[in-house]
């Protein structure tokens, strides 16, 4: 995976420089076990900030698989390998529900969608 074409933070057209890797955990689709993924970083020579390029399948700062989150939010239940995340998902949903009123206006203005009156699962 090559560097971004422009600096995502400042829009610089100069080529970003490879800056190393950092590691994050994610859960395996097959058995729910945590696996280590290396994330590539780049450095912008103009604004001096770093940028990370996540693999397409990786949800930022999420150990729980996206499919498990979606099933949980729809109320479809969680399969056996994702059952251990149910308490974490419940806490995250409560936090999201409590912050949803503050998110409605900025999200509607930025993305042109209507969230007011929707359920937290639909808003997510």
PDB file of N, CA and C in Angstrom:
ATOM      1  N   UNK A   1       0.854  -1.170   0.000  1.00  0.00           N
ATOM      2  CA  UNK A   1       0.000   0.000   0.000  1.00  0.00           C
ATOM      3  C   UNK A   1       0.898   1.231   0.000  1.00  0.00           C
ATOM      4  N   UNK A   2       0.718   2.086  -0.968  1.00  0.00           N
ATOM      5  CA  UNK A   2       1.531   3.278  -1.073  1.00  0.00           C
ATOM      6  C   UNK A   2       0.972   4.432  -0.265  1.00  0.00           C
ATOM      7  N   UNK A   3       1.725   5.526  -0.199  1.00  0.00           N
ATOM      8  CA  UNK A   3       1.271   6.687   0.571  1.00  0.00           C
ATOM      9  C   UNK A   3       0.095   7.384  -0.109  1.00  0.00           C
ATOM     10  N   UNK A   4      -0.669   8.175   0.654  1.00  0.00           N
ATOM     11  CA  UNK A   4      -1.753   8.958   0.049  1.00  0.00           C
ATOM     12  C   UNK A   4      -1.194   9.924  -0.990  1.00  0.00           C
ATOM     13  N   UNK A   5      -2.007  10.281  -1.971  1.00  0.00           N
ATOM     14  CA  UNK A   5      -1.569  11.205  -3.034  1.00  0.00           C
ATOM     15  C   UNK A   5      -1.352  12.622  -2.510  1.00  0.00           C
ATOM     16  N   UNK A   6      -2.149  13.007  -1.502  1.00  0.00           N
ATOM     17  CA  UNK A   6      -2.004  14.328  -0.884  1.00  0.00           C
ATOM     18  C   UNK A   6      -1.957  14.155   0.625  1.00  0.00           C
ATOM     19  N   UNK A   7      -1.433  15.151   1.315  1.00  0.00           N
ATOM     20  CA  UNK A   7      -1.424  15.126   2.777  1.00  0.00           C
ATOM     21  C   UNK A   7      -2.850  15.264   3.291  1.00  0.00           C
ATOM     22  N   UNK A   8      -3.386  14.252   3.986  1.00  0.00           N
ATOM     23  CA  UNK A   8      -4.777  14.305   4.439  1.00  0.00           C
ATOM     24  C   UNK A   8      -5.058  15.431   5.434  1.00  0.00           C
ATOM     25  N   UNK A   9      -4.044  15.891   6.146  1.00  0.00           N
ATOM     26  CA  UNK A   9      -4.243  16.938   7.146  1.00  0.00           C
ATOM     27  C   UNK A   9      -4.129  18.344   6.568  1.00  0.00           C
ATOM     28  N   UNK A  10      -3.228  18.515   5.569  1.00  0.00           N
ATOM     29  CA  UNK A  10      -2.986  19.869   5.059  1.00  0.00           C
ATOM     30  C   UNK A  10      -3.211  20.007   3.555  1.00  0.00           C
ATOM     31  N   UNK A  11      -3.432  18.892   2.850  1.00  0.00           N
ATOM     32  CA  UNK A  11      -3.651  18.947   1.416  1.00  0.00           C
ATOM     33  C   UNK A  11      -2.386  19.078   0.589  1.00  0.00           C
ATOM     34  N   UNK A  12      -1.222  18.941   1.215  1.00  0.00           N
ATOM     35  CA  UNK A  12       0.048  19.064   0.515  1.00  0.00           C
ATOM     36  C   UNK A  12       0.128  18.082  -0.645  1.00  0.00           C
ATOM     37  N   UNK A  13       0.711  18.521  -1.756  1.00  0.00           N
ATOM     38  CA  UNK A  13       0.882  17.655  -2.916  1.00  0.00           C
ATOM     39  C   UNK A  13       2.223  16.930  -2.894  1.00  0.00           C
ATOM     40  N   UNK A  14       3.047  17.232  -1.904  1.00  0.00           N
ATOM     41  CA  UNK A  14       4.342  16.543  -1.789  1.00  0.00           C
ATOM     42  C   UNK A  14       4.120  15.110  -1.330  1.00  0.00           C
ATOM     43  N   UNK A  15       4.931  14.226  -1.833  1.00  0.00           N
ATOM     44  CA  UNK A  15       4.829  12.803  -1.475  1.00  0.00           C
ATOM     45  C   UNK A  15       5.123  12.622   0.017  1.00  0.00           C
ATOM     46  N   UNK A  16       4.246  11.883   0.698  1.00  0.00           N
ATOM     47  CA  UNK A  16       4.452  11.607   2.118  1.00  0.00           C
ATOM     48  C   UNK A  16       5.548  10.561   2.275  1.00  0.00           C
ATOM     49  N   UNK A  17       6.280  10.650   3.358  1.00  0.00           N
ATOM     50  CA  UNK A  17       7.416   9.775   3.628  1.00  0.00           C
ATOM     51  C   UNK A  17       6.989   8.644   4.566  1.00  0.00           C
ATOM     52  N   UNK A  18       7.431   7.405   4.262  1.00  0.00           N
ATOM     53  CA  UNK A  18       7.145   6.270   5.129  1.00  0.00           C
ATOM     54  C   UNK A  18       7.703   6.558   6.524  1.00  0.00           C
ATOM     55  N   UNK A  19       6.901   6.285   7.558  1.00  0.00           N
ATOM     56  CA  UNK A  19       7.269   6.668   8.921  1.00  0.00           C
ATOM     57  C   UNK A  19       7.289   5.490   9.900  1.00  0.00           C
ATOM     58  N   UNK A  20       6.980   4.294   9.421  1.00  0.00           N
ATOM     59  CA  UNK A  20       7.028   3.131  10.295  1.00  0.00           C
ATOM     60  C   UNK A  20       5.677   2.461  10.438  1.00  0.00           C
ATOM     61  N   UNK A  21       5.574   1.613  11.467  1.00  0.00           N
ATOM     62  CA  UNK A  21       4.353   0.859  11.738  1.00  0.00           C
ATOM     63  C   UNK A  21       3.973   0.985  13.202  1.00  0.00           C
ATOM     64  N   UNK A  22       2.718   0.783  13.503  1.00  0.00           N
ATOM     65  CA  UNK A  22       2.290   0.519  14.873  1.00  0.00           C
ATOM     66  C   UNK A  22       1.314  -0.644  14.796  1.00  0.00           C
ATOM     67  N   UNK A  23       1.066  -1.283  15.906  1.00  0.00           N
ATOM     68  CA  UNK A  23       0.239  -2.484  15.913  1.00  0.00           C
ATOM     69  C   UNK A  23      -1.073  -2.247  16.646  1.00  0.00           C
ATOM     70  N   UNK A  24      -2.118  -2.903  16.160  1.00  0.00           N
ATOM     71  CA  UNK A  24      -3.438  -2.881  16.794  1.00  0.00           C
ATOM     72  C   UNK A  24      -4.005  -4.296  16.745  1.00  0.00           C
ATOM     73  N   UNK A  25      -4.877  -4.582  17.704  1.00  0.00           N
ATOM     74  CA  UNK A  25      -5.541  -5.875  17.712  1.00  0.00           C
ATOM     75  C   UNK A  25      -6.901  -5.763  17.031  1.00  0.00           C
ATOM     76  N   UNK A  26      -7.325  -6.834  16.419  1.00  0.00           N
ATOM     77  CA  UNK A  26      -8.673  -6.964  15.888  1.00  0.00           C
ATOM     78  C   UNK A  26      -9.098  -8.407  16.102  1.00  0.00           C
ATOM     79  N   UNK A  27     -10.382  -8.670  16.046  1.00  0.00           N
ATOM     80  CA  UNK A  27     -10.826 -10.043  16.261  1.00  0.00           C
ATOM     81  C   UNK A  27     -10.930 -10.777  14.938  1.00  0.00           C
ATOM     82  N   UNK A  28     -10.590 -12.040  14.972  1.00  0.00           N
ATOM     83  CA  UNK A  28     -10.630 -12.897  13.805  1.00  0.00           C
ATOM     84  C   UNK A  28     -12.064 -13.223  13.435  1.00  0.00           C
ATOM     85  N   UNK A  29     -12.352 -13.269  12.152  1.00  0.00           N
ATOM     86  CA  UNK A  29     -13.695 -13.604  11.694  1.00  0.00           C
ATOM     87  C   UNK A  29     -14.044 -15.057  12.012  1.00  0.00           C
ATOM     88  N   UNK A  30     -13.059 -15.933  11.947  1.00  0.00           N
ATOM     89  CA  UNK A  30     -13.349 -17.356  12.094  1.00  0.00           C
ATOM     90  C   UNK A  30     -13.618 -17.780  13.532  1.00  0.00           C
ATOM     91  N   UNK A  31     -12.819 -17.279  14.479  1.00  0.00           N
ATOM     92  CA  UNK A  31     -12.999 -17.765  15.849  1.00  0.00           C
ATOM     93  C   UNK A  31     -13.071 -16.673  16.906  1.00  0.00           C
ATOM     94  N   UNK A  32     -13.029 -15.408  16.505  1.00  0.00           N
ATOM     95  CA  UNK A  32     -13.147 -14.312  17.457  1.00  0.00           C
ATOM     96  C   UNK A  32     -11.892 -14.027  18.248  1.00  0.00           C
ATOM     97  N   UNK A  33     -10.809 -14.769  18.003  1.00  0.00           N
ATOM     98  CA  UNK A  33      -9.558 -14.539  18.713  1.00  0.00           C
ATOM     99  C   UNK A  33      -8.942 -13.207  18.280  1.00  0.00           C
ATOM    100  N   UNK A  34      -8.234 -12.560  19.194  1.00  0.00           N
ATOM    101  CA  UNK A  34      -7.565 -11.300  18.866  1.00  0.00           C
ATOM    102  C   UNK A  34      -6.302 -11.588  18.059  1.00  0.00           C
ATOM    103  N   UNK A  35      -6.145 -10.885  16.945  1.00  0.00           N
ATOM    104  CA  UNK A  35      -4.931 -11.011  16.142  1.00  0.00           C
ATOM    105  C   UNK A  35      -4.299  -9.629  15.989  1.00  0.00           C
ATOM    106  N   UNK A  36      -2.984  -9.607  15.854  1.00  0.00           N
ATOM    107  CA  UNK A  36      -2.238  -8.360  15.759  1.00  0.00           C
ATOM    108  C   UNK A  36      -2.121  -7.939  14.290  1.00  0.00           C
ATOM    109  N   UNK A  37      -2.446  -6.678  14.003  1.00  0.00           N
ATOM    110  CA  UNK A  37      -2.364  -6.131  12.647  1.00  0.00           C
ATOM    111  C   UNK A  37      -1.397  -4.955  12.686  1.00  0.00           C
ATOM    112  N   UNK A  38      -0.446  -4.917  11.743  1.00  0.00           N
ATOM    113  CA  UNK A  38       0.482  -3.794  11.643  1.00  0.00           C
ATOM    114  C   UNK A  38      -0.124  -2.710  10.759  1.00  0.00           C
ATOM    115  N   UNK A  39      -0.124  -1.488  11.258  1.00  0.00           N
ATOM    116  CA  UNK A  39      -0.693  -0.335  10.557  1.00  0.00           C
ATOM    117  C   UNK A  39       0.462   0.544  10.069  1.00  0.00           C
ATOM    118  N   UNK A  40       0.469   0.843   8.784  1.00  0.00           N
ATOM    119  CA  UNK A  40       1.535   1.648   8.200  1.00  0.00           C
ATOM    120  C   UNK A  40       1.288   3.135   8.431  1.00  0.00           C
ATOM    121  N   UNK A  41       2.366   3.872   8.754  1.00  0.00           N
ATOM    122  CA  UNK A  41       2.264   5.308   9.001  1.00  0.00           C
ATOM    123  C   UNK A  41       3.113   6.080   7.999  1.00  0.00           C
ATOM    124  N   UNK A  42       2.646   7.297   7.680  1.00  0.00           N
ATOM    125  CA  UNK A  42       3.379   8.192   6.793  1.00  0.00           C
ATOM    126  C   UNK A  42       3.509   9.551   7.451  1.00  0.00           C
ATOM    127  N   UNK A  43       4.569  10.276   7.084  1.00  0.00           N
ATOM    128  CA  UNK A  43       4.865  11.593   7.656  1.00  0.00           C
ATOM    129  C   UNK A  43       4.807  12.641   6.553  1.00  0.00           C
ATOM    130  N   UNK A  44       4.075  13.733   6.810  1.00  0.00           N
ATOM    131  CA  UNK A  44       3.978  14.842   5.852  1.00  0.00           C
ATOM    132  C   UNK A  44       5.120  15.818   6.125  1.00  0.00           C
ATOM    133  N   UNK A  45       5.889  16.137   5.107  1.00  0.00           N
ATOM    134  CA  UNK A  45       7.023  17.053   5.272  1.00  0.00           C
ATOM    135  C   UNK A  45       6.595  18.515   5.353  1.00  0.00           C
ATOM    136  N   UNK A  46       5.336  18.810   5.019  1.00  0.00           N
ATOM    137  CA  UNK A  46       4.864  20.188   5.086  1.00  0.00           C
ATOM    138  C   UNK A  46       4.254  20.526   6.449  1.00  0.00           C
ATOM    139  N   UNK A  47       3.276  19.742   6.888  1.00  0.00           N
ATOM    140  CA  UNK A  47       2.623  20.063   8.167  1.00  0.00           C
ATOM    141  C   UNK A  47       3.227  19.282   9.341  1.00  0.00           C
ATOM    142  N   UNK A  48       4.125  18.329   9.032  1.00  0.00           N
ATOM    143  CA  UNK A  48       4.850  17.534  10.032  1.00  0.00           C
ATOM    144  C   UNK A  48       3.967  16.583  10.835  1.00  0.00           C
ATOM    145  N   UNK A  49       2.742  16.336  10.371  1.00  0.00           N
ATOM    146  CA  UNK A  49       1.861  15.389  11.040  1.00  0.00           C
ATOM    147  C   UNK A  49       1.988  14.017  10.400  1.00  0.00           C
ATOM    148  N   UNK A  50       1.639  12.994  11.160  1.00  0.00           N
ATOM    149  CA  UNK A  50       1.656  11.643  10.612  1.00  0.00           C
ATOM    150  C   UNK A  50       0.241  11.201  10.255  1.00  0.00           C
ATOM    151  N   UNK A  51       0.167  10.268   9.327  1.00  0.00           N
ATOM    152  CA  UNK A  51      -1.098   9.711   8.868  1.00  0.00           C
ATOM    153  C   UNK A  51      -0.972   8.200   8.850  1.00  0.00           C
ATOM    154  N   UNK A  52      -1.992   7.530   9.318  1.00  0.00           N
ATOM    155  CA  UNK A  52      -2.012   6.069   9.307  1.00  0.00           C
ATOM    156  C   UNK A  52      -2.958   5.583   8.229  1.00  0.00           C
ATOM    157  N   UNK A  53      -2.563   4.532   7.544  1.00  0.00           N
ATOM    158  CA  UNK A  53      -3.423   3.929   6.530  1.00  0.00           C
ATOM    159  C   UNK A  53      -3.901   2.584   7.048  1.00  0.00           C
ATOM    160  N   UNK A  54      -5.186   2.537   7.362  1.00  0.00           N
ATOM    161  CA  UNK A  54      -5.764   1.301   7.875  1.00  0.00           C
ATOM    162  C   UNK A  54      -6.152   0.386   6.725  1.00  0.00           C
ATOM    163  N   UNK A  55      -5.999  -0.929   6.909  1.00  0.00           N
ATOM    164  CA  UNK A  55      -6.494  -1.852   5.883  1.00  0.00           C
ATOM    165  C   UNK A  55      -7.994  -1.668   5.706  1.00  0.00           C
ATOM    166  N   UNK A  56      -8.514  -1.970   4.516  1.00  0.00           N
ATOM    167  CA  UNK A  56      -9.926  -1.744   4.198  1.00  0.00           C
ATOM    168  C   UNK A  56     -10.861  -2.475   5.142  1.00  0.00           C
ATOM    169  N   UNK A  57     -10.431  -3.590   5.719  1.00  0.00           N
ATOM    170  CA  UNK A  57     -11.309  -4.410   6.561  1.00  0.00           C
ATOM    171  C   UNK A  57     -11.266  -4.016   8.033  1.00  0.00           C
ATOM    172  N   UNK A  58     -10.480  -3.017   8.368  1.00  0.00           N
ATOM    173  CA  UNK A  58     -10.252  -2.684   9.770  1.00  0.00           C
ATOM    174  C   UNK A  58     -11.095  -1.493  10.193  1.00  0.00           C
ATOM    175  N   UNK A  59     -11.895  -1.646  11.225  1.00  0.00           N
ATOM    176  CA  UNK A  59     -12.650  -0.529  11.781  1.00  0.00           C
ATOM    177  C   UNK A  59     -11.793   0.153  12.824  1.00  0.00           C
ATOM    178  N   UNK A  60     -11.629   1.426  12.716  1.00  0.00           N
ATOM    179  CA  UNK A  60     -10.756   2.216  13.573  1.00  0.00           C
ATOM    180  C   UNK A  60     -11.092   2.022  15.052  1.00  0.00           C
ATOM    181  N   UNK A  61     -10.113   1.612  15.806  1.00  0.00           N
ATOM    182  CA  UNK A  61     -10.232   1.399  17.254  1.00  0.00           C
ATOM    183  C   UNK A  61     -11.374   0.467  17.635  1.00  0.00           C
ATOM    184  N   UNK A  62     -11.607  -0.552  16.850  1.00  0.00           N
ATOM    185  CA  UNK A  62     -12.654  -1.519  17.161  1.00  0.00           C
ATOM    186  C   UNK A  62     -12.052  -2.914  17.202  1.00  0.00           C
ATOM    187  N   UNK A  63     -12.121  -3.558  18.354  1.00  0.00           N
ATOM    188  CA  UNK A  63     -11.679  -4.938  18.467  1.00  0.00           C
ATOM    189  C   UNK A  63     -12.782  -5.879  18.001  1.00  0.00           C
ATOM    190  N   UNK A  64     -14.011  -5.442  18.107  1.00  0.00           N
ATOM    191  CA  UNK A  64     -15.166  -6.262  17.735  1.00  0.00           C
ATOM    192  C   UNK A  64     -15.408  -6.127  16.231  1.00  0.00           C
ATOM    193  N   UNK A  65     -15.694  -7.246  15.568  1.00  0.00           N
ATOM    194  CA  UNK A  65     -15.946  -7.238  14.129  1.00  0.00           C
ATOM    195  C   UNK A  65     -17.162  -6.380  13.788  1.00  0.00           C
ATOM    196  N   UNK A  66     -17.109  -5.680  12.666  1.00  0.00           N
ATOM    197  CA  UNK A  66     -18.216  -4.840  12.221  1.00  0.00           C
ATOM    198  C   UNK A  66     -19.504  -5.620  12.065  1.00  0.00           C
ATOM    199  N   UNK A  67     -19.393  -6.855  11.582  1.00  0.00           N
ATOM    200  CA  UNK A  67     -20.561  -7.712  11.414  1.00  0.00           C
ATOM    201  C   UNK A  67     -21.244  -7.979  12.757  1.00  0.00           C
ATOM    202  N   UNK A  68     -20.451  -8.186  13.810  1.00  0.00           N
ATOM    203  CA  UNK A  68     -21.007  -8.428  15.146  1.00  0.00           C
ATOM    204  C   UNK A  68     -21.697  -7.174  15.677  1.00  0.00           C
ATOM    205  N   UNK A  69     -21.097  -6.004  15.421  1.00  0.00           N
ATOM    206  CA  UNK A  69     -21.703  -4.737  15.856  1.00  0.00           C
ATOM    207  C   UNK A  69     -23.043  -4.545  15.160  1.00  0.00           C
ATOM    208  N   UNK A  70     -23.075  -4.795  13.856  1.00  0.00           N
ATOM    209  CA  UNK A  70     -24.324  -4.623  13.090  1.00  0.00           C
ATOM    210  C   UNK A  70     -25.411  -5.563  13.603  1.00  0.00           C
ATOM    211  N   UNK A  71     -25.079  -6.831  13.842  1.00  0.00           N
ATOM    212  CA  UNK A  71     -26.075  -7.788  14.353  1.00  0.00           C
ATOM    213  C   UNK A  71     -26.576  -7.359  15.727  1.00  0.00           C
ATOM    214  N   UNK A  72     -25.666  -6.878  16.575  1.00  0.00           N
ATOM    215  CA  UNK A  72     -26.044  -6.427  17.910  1.00  0.00           C
ATOM    216  C   UNK A  72     -27.020  -5.256  17.815  1.00  0.00           C
ATOM    217  N   UNK A  73     -26.720  -4.279  16.967  1.00  0.00           N
ATOM    218  CA  UNK A  73     -27.571  -3.095  16.832  1.00  0.00           C
ATOM    219  C   UNK A  73     -28.936  -3.419  16.238  1.00  0.00           C
ATOM    220  N   UNK A  74     -28.986  -4.413  15.337  1.00  0.00           N
ATOM    221  CA  UNK A  74     -30.274  -4.824  14.751  1.00  0.00           C
ATOM    222  C   UNK A  74     -31.080  -5.682  15.709  1.00  0.00           C
ATOM    223  N   UNK A  75     -30.438  -6.176  16.765  1.00  0.00           N
ATOM    224  CA  UNK A  75     -31.115  -7.059  17.709  1.00  0.00           C
ATOM    225  C   UNK A  75     -31.172  -8.498  17.232  1.00  0.00           C
ATOM    226  N   UNK A  76     -30.288  -8.850  16.289  1.00  0.00           N
ATOM    227  CA  UNK A  76     -30.270 -10.204  15.741  1.00  0.00           C
ATOM    228  C   UNK A  76     -29.539 -11.196  16.643  1.00  0.00           C
ATOM    229  N   UNK A  77     -28.934 -10.708  17.696  1.00  0.00           N
ATOM    230  CA  UNK A  77     -28.167 -11.599  18.561  1.00  0.00           C
ATOM    231  C   UNK A  77     -26.724 -11.706  18.103  1.00  0.00           C
ATOM    232  N   UNK A  78     -25.935 -12.339  18.932  1.00  0.00           N
ATOM    233  CA  UNK A  78     -24.503 -12.456  18.685  1.00  0.00           C
ATOM    234  C   UNK A  78     -24.149 -13.927  18.662  1.00  0.00           C
ATOM    235  N   UNK A  79     -23.323 -14.338  17.698  1.00  0.00           N
ATOM    236  CA  UNK A  79     -22.936 -15.745  17.651  1.00  0.00           C
ATOM    237  C   UNK A  79     -21.949 -16.071  18.772  1.00  0.00           C
ATOM    238  N   UNK A  80     -21.660 -17.330  18.939  1.00  0.00           N
ATOM    239  CA  UNK A  80     -20.877 -17.800  20.084  1.00  0.00           C
ATOM    240  C   UNK A  80     -19.506 -17.146  20.184  1.00  0.00           C
ATOM    241  N   UNK A  81     -18.823 -16.950  19.053  1.00  0.00           N
ATOM    242  CA  UNK A  81     -17.471 -16.391  19.152  1.00  0.00           C
ATOM    243  C   UNK A  81     -17.491 -14.894  19.464  1.00  0.00           C
ATOM    244  N   UNK A  82     -18.623 -14.223  19.301  1.00  0.00           N
ATOM    245  CA  UNK A  82     -18.711 -12.806  19.632  1.00  0.00           C
ATOM    246  C   UNK A  82     -19.434 -12.554  20.951  1.00  0.00           C
ATOM    247  N   UNK A  83     -19.905 -13.603  21.601  1.00  0.00           N
ATOM    248  CA  UNK A  83     -20.687 -13.467  22.830  1.00  0.00           C
ATOM    249  C   UNK A  83     -19.921 -12.732  23.924  1.00  0.00           C
ATOM    250  N   UNK A  84     -18.611 -12.916  23.971  1.00  0.00           N
ATOM    251  CA  UNK A  84     -17.815 -12.262  25.017  1.00  0.00           C
ATOM    252  C   UNK A  84     -17.803 -10.738  24.884  1.00  0.00           C
ATOM    253  N   UNK A  85     -18.200 -10.207  23.721  1.00  0.00           N
ATOM    254  CA  UNK A  85     -18.205  -8.764  23.511  1.00  0.00           C
ATOM    255  C   UNK A  85     -19.551  -8.124  23.850  1.00  0.00           C
ATOM    256  N   UNK A  86     -20.531  -8.908  24.256  1.00  0.00           N
ATOM    257  CA  UNK A  86     -21.874  -8.379  24.472  1.00  0.00           C
ATOM    258  C   UNK A  86     -21.892  -7.271  25.521  1.00  0.00           C
ATOM    259  N   UNK A  87     -21.179  -7.432  26.620  1.00  0.00           N
ATOM    260  CA  UNK A  87     -21.157  -6.398  27.657  1.00  0.00           C
ATOM    261  C   UNK A  87     -20.517  -5.117  27.132  1.00  0.00           C
ATOM    262  N   UNK A  88     -19.409  -5.255  26.401  1.00  0.00           N
ATOM    263  CA  UNK A  88     -18.746  -4.090  25.816  1.00  0.00           C
ATOM    264  C   UNK A  88     -19.671  -3.389  24.823  1.00  0.00           C
ATOM    265  N   UNK A  89     -20.347  -4.155  23.971  1.00  0.00           N
ATOM    266  CA  UNK A  89     -21.268  -3.557  23.001  1.00  0.00           C
ATOM    267  C   UNK A  89     -22.421  -2.843  23.697  1.00  0.00           C
ATOM    268  N   UNK A  90     -22.913  -3.410  24.782  1.00  0.00           N
ATOM    269  CA  UNK A  90     -24.002  -2.759  25.531  1.00  0.00           C
ATOM    270  C   UNK A  90     -23.547  -1.424  26.101  1.00  0.00           C
ATOM    271  N   UNK A  91     -22.326  -1.390  26.651  1.00  0.00           N
ATOM    272  CA  UNK A  91     -21.802  -0.126  27.203  1.00  0.00           C
ATOM    273  C   UNK A  91     -21.595   0.907  26.098  1.00  0.00           C
ATOM    274  N   UNK A  92     -21.060   0.466  24.956  1.00  0.00           N
ATOM    275  CA  UNK A  92     -20.842   1.389  23.834  1.00  0.00           C
ATOM    276  C   UNK A  92     -22.169   1.953  23.327  1.00  0.00           C
ATOM    277  N   UNK A  93     -23.193   1.100  23.249  1.00  0.00           N
ATOM    278  CA  UNK A  93     -24.504   1.567  22.789  1.00  0.00           C
ATOM    279  C   UNK A  93     -25.093   2.580  23.771  1.00  0.00           C
ATOM    280  N   UNK A  94     -24.956   2.332  25.075  1.00  0.00           N
ATOM    281  CA  UNK A  94     -25.449   3.291  26.074  1.00  0.00           C
ATOM    282  C   UNK A  94     -24.735   4.630  25.931  1.00  0.00           C
ATOM    283  N   UNK A  95     -23.412   4.600  25.723  1.00  0.00           N
ATOM    284  CA  UNK A  95     -22.644   5.840  25.552  1.00  0.00           C
ATOM    285  C   UNK A  95     -23.086   6.562  24.290  1.00  0.00           C
ATOM    286  N   UNK A  96     -23.273   5.804  23.198  1.00  0.00           N
ATOM    287  CA  UNK A  96     -23.724   6.398  21.939  1.00  0.00           C
ATOM    288  C   UNK A  96     -25.103   7.023  22.096  1.00  0.00           C
ATOM    289  N   UNK A  97     -26.029   6.310  22.766  1.00  0.00           N
ATOM    290  CA  UNK A  97     -27.384   6.839  22.994  1.00  0.00           C
ATOM    291  C   UNK A  97     -27.342   8.130  23.795  1.00  0.00           C
ATOM    292  N   UNK A  98     -26.470   8.198  24.794  1.00  0.00           N
ATOM    293  CA  UNK A  98     -26.401   9.405  25.629  1.00  0.00           C
ATOM    294  C   UNK A  98     -25.826  10.590  24.856  1.00  0.00           C
ATOM    295  N   UNK A  99     -24.985  10.334  23.864  1.00  0.00           N
ATOM    296  CA  UNK A  99     -24.353  11.419  23.095  1.00  0.00           C
ATOM    297  C   UNK A  99     -25.075  11.735  21.793  1.00  0.00           C
ATOM    298  N   UNK A 100     -26.048  10.923  21.417  1.00  0.00           N
ATOM    299  CA  UNK A 100     -26.745  11.116  20.149  1.00  0.00           C
ATOM    300  C   UNK A 100     -27.376  12.505  20.000  1.00  0.00           C
ATOM    301  N   UNK A 101     -28.024  13.049  21.045  1.00  0.00           N
ATOM    302  CA  UNK A 101     -28.605  14.392  20.872  1.00  0.00           C
ATOM    303  C   UNK A 101     -27.570  15.453  20.471  1.00  0.00           C
ATOM    304  N   UNK A 102     -26.334  15.308  20.940  1.00  0.00           N
ATOM    305  CA  UNK A 102     -25.278  16.272  20.592  1.00  0.00           C
ATOM    306  C   UNK A 102     -24.748  16.042  19.181  1.00  0.00           C
ATOM    307  N   UNK A 103     -24.939  14.845  18.639  1.00  0.00           N
ATOM    308  CA  UNK A 103     -24.416  14.512  17.318  1.00  0.00           C
ATOM    309  C   UNK A 103     -25.370  14.857  16.181  1.00  0.00           C
ATOM    310  N   UNK A 104     -26.655  14.970  16.485  1.00  0.00           N
ATOM    311  CA  UNK A 104     -27.662  15.137  15.436  1.00  0.00           C
ATOM    312  C   UNK A 104     -27.350  16.324  14.530  1.00  0.00           C
ATOM    313  N   UNK A 105     -27.193  17.504  15.065  1.00  0.00           N
ATOM    314  CA  UNK A 105     -26.994  18.709  14.249  1.00  0.00           C
ATOM    315  C   UNK A 105     -25.709  18.639  13.419  1.00  0.00           C
ATOM    316  N   UNK A 106     -24.547  18.322  14.016  1.00  0.00           N
ATOM    317  CA  UNK A 106     -23.328  18.284  13.189  1.00  0.00           C
ATOM    318  C   UNK A 106     -23.374  17.208  12.097  1.00  0.00           C
ATOM    319  N   UNK A 107     -23.930  16.043  12.396  1.00  0.00           N
ATOM    320  CA  UNK A 107     -24.001  14.975  11.401  1.00  0.00           C
ATOM    321  C   UNK A 107     -24.961  15.355  10.274  1.00  0.00           C
ATOM    322  N   UNK A 108     -26.121  15.907  10.628  1.00  0.00           N
ATOM    323  CA  UNK A 108     -27.081  16.322   9.597  1.00  0.00           C
ATOM    324  C   UNK A 108     -26.483  17.405   8.701  1.00  0.00           C
ATOM    325  N   UNK A 109     -25.790  18.357   9.305  1.00  0.00           N
ATOM    326  CA  UNK A 109     -25.200  19.446   8.523  1.00  0.00           C
ATOM    327  C   UNK A 109     -24.062  18.944   7.633  1.00  0.00           C
ATOM    328  N   UNK A 110     -23.270  18.021   8.115  1.00  0.00           N
ATOM    329  CA  UNK A 110     -22.112  17.546   7.366  1.00  0.00           C
ATOM    330  C   UNK A 110     -22.457  16.541   6.280  1.00  0.00           C
ATOM    331  N   UNK A 111     -23.437  15.681   6.545  1.00  0.00           N
ATOM    332  CA  UNK A 111     -23.704  14.578   5.627  1.00  0.00           C
ATOM    333  C   UNK A 111     -25.051  14.661   4.919  1.00  0.00           C
ATOM    334  N   UNK A 112     -25.869  15.662   5.271  1.00  0.00           N
ATOM    335  CA  UNK A 112     -27.141  15.840   4.604  1.00  0.00           C
ATOM    336  C   UNK A 112     -28.145  14.730   4.879  1.00  0.00           C
ATOM    337  N   UNK A 113     -28.058  14.130   6.048  1.00  0.00           N
ATOM    338  CA  UNK A 113     -29.005  13.086   6.435  1.00  0.00           C
ATOM    339  C   UNK A 113     -29.840  13.586   7.602  1.00  0.00           C
ATOM    340  N   UNK A 114     -30.975  12.950   7.846  1.00  0.00           N
ATOM    341  CA  UNK A 114     -31.824  13.329   8.965  1.00  0.00           C
ATOM    342  C   UNK A 114     -31.748  12.237  10.030  1.00  0.00           C
ATOM    343  N   UNK A 115     -31.300  12.620  11.216  1.00  0.00           N
ATOM    344  CA  UNK A 115     -31.190  11.677  12.318  1.00  0.00           C
ATOM    345  C   UNK A 115     -32.244  11.931  13.391  1.00  0.00           C
ATOM    346  N   UNK A 116     -32.786  13.134  13.433  1.00  0.00           N
ATOM    347  CA  UNK A 116     -33.699  13.493  14.503  1.00  0.00           C
ATOM    348  C   UNK A 116     -34.897  12.546  14.510  1.00  0.00           C
ATOM    349  N   UNK A 117     -35.139  11.894  15.644  1.00  0.00           N
ATOM    350  CA  UNK A 117     -36.259  10.986  15.772  1.00  0.00           C
ATOM    351  C   UNK A 117     -35.954   9.547  15.405  1.00  0.00           C
ATOM    352  N   UNK A 118     -34.732   9.274  14.933  1.00  0.00           N
ATOM    353  CA  UNK A 118     -34.383   7.900  14.595  1.00  0.00           C
ATOM    354  C   UNK A 118     -33.872   7.178  15.836  1.00  0.00           C
ATOM    355  N   UNK A 119     -33.896   5.882  15.781  1.00  0.00           N
ATOM    356  CA  UNK A 119     -33.369   5.088  16.897  1.00  0.00           C
ATOM    357  C   UNK A 119     -31.840   5.125  16.841  1.00  0.00           C
ATOM    358  N   UNK A 120     -31.180   4.894  17.964  1.00  0.00           N
ATOM    359  CA  UNK A 120     -29.721   4.856  17.954  1.00  0.00           C
ATOM    360  C   UNK A 120     -29.156   3.822  16.969  1.00  0.00           C
ATOM    361  N   UNK A 121     -29.822   2.674  16.838  1.00  0.00           N
ATOM    362  CA  UNK A 121     -29.332   1.641  15.902  1.00  0.00           C
ATOM    363  C   UNK A 121     -29.366   2.155  14.461  1.00  0.00           C
ATOM    364  N   UNK A 122     -30.437   2.874  14.100  1.00  0.00           N
ATOM    365  CA  UNK A 122     -30.546   3.430  12.747  1.00  0.00           C
ATOM    366  C   UNK A 122     -29.518   4.550  12.559  1.00  0.00           C
ATOM    367  N   UNK A 123     -29.347   5.383  13.574  1.00  0.00           N
ATOM    368  CA  UNK A 123     -28.367   6.473  13.489  1.00  0.00           C
ATOM    369  C   UNK A 123     -26.954   5.934  13.321  1.00  0.00           C
ATOM    370  N   UNK A 124     -26.655   4.835  13.987  1.00  0.00           N
ATOM    371  CA  UNK A 124     -25.318   4.238  13.886  1.00  0.00           C
ATOM    372  C   UNK A 124     -25.071   3.800  12.463  1.00  0.00           C
TER     373      UNK A 124
END
